[in-house]
């Protein structure tokens, strides 16, 4: 596993978690 793969997964889960946080927030700031 190379660095680019790790970065790709990291970015993917970061955006996924951020999107989930905004979706579950009572007053999401878009």
N, C-alpha and C. Protein backbone atom coordinates (compact mmCIF):
# COMPACT_ATOMS: atom_id res chain seq x y z
N UNK A 1 0.85 -1.20 0.00
CA UNK A 1 0.00 0.00 0.00
C UNK A 1 0.88 1.24 0.00
N UNK A 2 0.68 2.09 -0.99
CA UNK A 2 1.50 3.29 -1.11
C UNK A 2 0.84 4.50 -0.46
N UNK A 3 1.58 5.57 -0.43
CA UNK A 3 1.09 6.81 0.18
C UNK A 3 -0.16 7.36 -0.55
N UNK A 4 -0.17 7.38 -1.89
CA UNK A 4 -1.34 7.90 -2.61
C UNK A 4 -2.62 7.15 -2.24
N UNK A 5 -2.51 5.84 -2.02
CA UNK A 5 -3.69 5.05 -1.67
C UNK A 5 -4.19 5.45 -0.28
N UNK A 6 -3.27 5.63 0.64
CA UNK A 6 -3.63 6.03 2.00
C UNK A 6 -4.29 7.41 2.00
N UNK A 7 -3.73 8.32 1.22
CA UNK A 7 -4.28 9.67 1.13
C UNK A 7 -5.68 9.63 0.52
N UNK A 8 -5.88 8.78 -0.49
CA UNK A 8 -7.17 8.68 -1.14
C UNK A 8 -8.23 8.19 -0.17
N UNK A 9 -7.89 7.16 0.61
CA UNK A 9 -8.83 6.64 1.61
C UNK A 9 -9.10 7.67 2.70
N UNK A 10 -8.03 8.39 3.10
CA UNK A 10 -8.16 9.39 4.16
C UNK A 10 -9.11 10.50 3.72
N UNK A 11 -8.92 10.99 2.50
CA UNK A 11 -9.78 12.05 1.98
C UNK A 11 -11.21 11.56 1.83
N UNK A 12 -11.37 10.32 1.34
CA UNK A 12 -12.69 9.75 1.14
C UNK A 12 -13.47 9.68 2.45
N UNK A 13 -12.84 9.12 3.49
CA UNK A 13 -13.53 8.97 4.77
C UNK A 13 -13.73 10.32 5.46
N UNK A 14 -12.82 11.27 5.20
CA UNK A 14 -12.96 12.61 5.78
C UNK A 14 -14.20 13.30 5.22
N UNK A 15 -14.36 13.25 3.90
CA UNK A 15 -15.53 13.87 3.27
C UNK A 15 -16.80 13.12 3.65
N UNK A 16 -16.70 11.77 3.74
CA UNK A 16 -17.86 10.96 4.10
C UNK A 16 -18.32 11.30 5.51
N UNK A 17 -17.38 11.41 6.43
CA UNK A 17 -17.71 11.75 7.81
C UNK A 17 -18.24 13.17 7.92
N UNK A 18 -17.66 14.09 7.16
CA UNK A 18 -18.09 15.48 7.17
C UNK A 18 -19.51 15.62 6.62
N UNK A 19 -19.80 14.89 5.54
CA UNK A 19 -21.12 14.91 4.94
C UNK A 19 -22.16 14.33 5.90
N UNK A 20 -21.77 13.23 6.58
CA UNK A 20 -22.66 12.60 7.55
C UNK A 20 -22.93 13.55 8.71
N UNK A 21 -21.91 14.27 9.15
CA UNK A 21 -22.05 15.22 10.25
C UNK A 21 -23.03 16.34 9.88
N UNK A 22 -22.91 16.84 8.65
CA UNK A 22 -23.81 17.90 8.19
C UNK A 22 -25.23 17.39 8.04
N UNK A 23 -25.36 16.13 7.61
CA UNK A 23 -26.68 15.56 7.37
C UNK A 23 -27.42 15.32 8.69
N UNK A 24 -26.67 14.97 9.74
CA UNK A 24 -27.30 14.66 11.02
C UNK A 24 -27.39 15.89 11.92
N UNK A 25 -26.83 17.00 11.47
CA UNK A 25 -26.86 18.22 12.27
C UNK A 25 -28.26 18.85 12.21
N UNK A 26 -28.77 19.32 13.36
CA UNK A 26 -30.11 19.93 13.41
C UNK A 26 -30.21 21.14 12.48
N UNK A 27 -29.13 21.94 12.41
CA UNK A 27 -29.12 23.12 11.56
C UNK A 27 -27.83 23.12 10.76
N UNK A 28 -27.79 22.31 9.70
CA UNK A 28 -26.57 22.15 8.89
C UNK A 28 -26.19 23.44 8.17
N UNK A 29 -24.91 23.76 8.21
CA UNK A 29 -24.42 24.95 7.50
C UNK A 29 -23.81 24.51 6.18
N UNK A 30 -24.49 24.82 5.11
CA UNK A 30 -24.02 24.39 3.80
C UNK A 30 -23.29 25.56 3.13
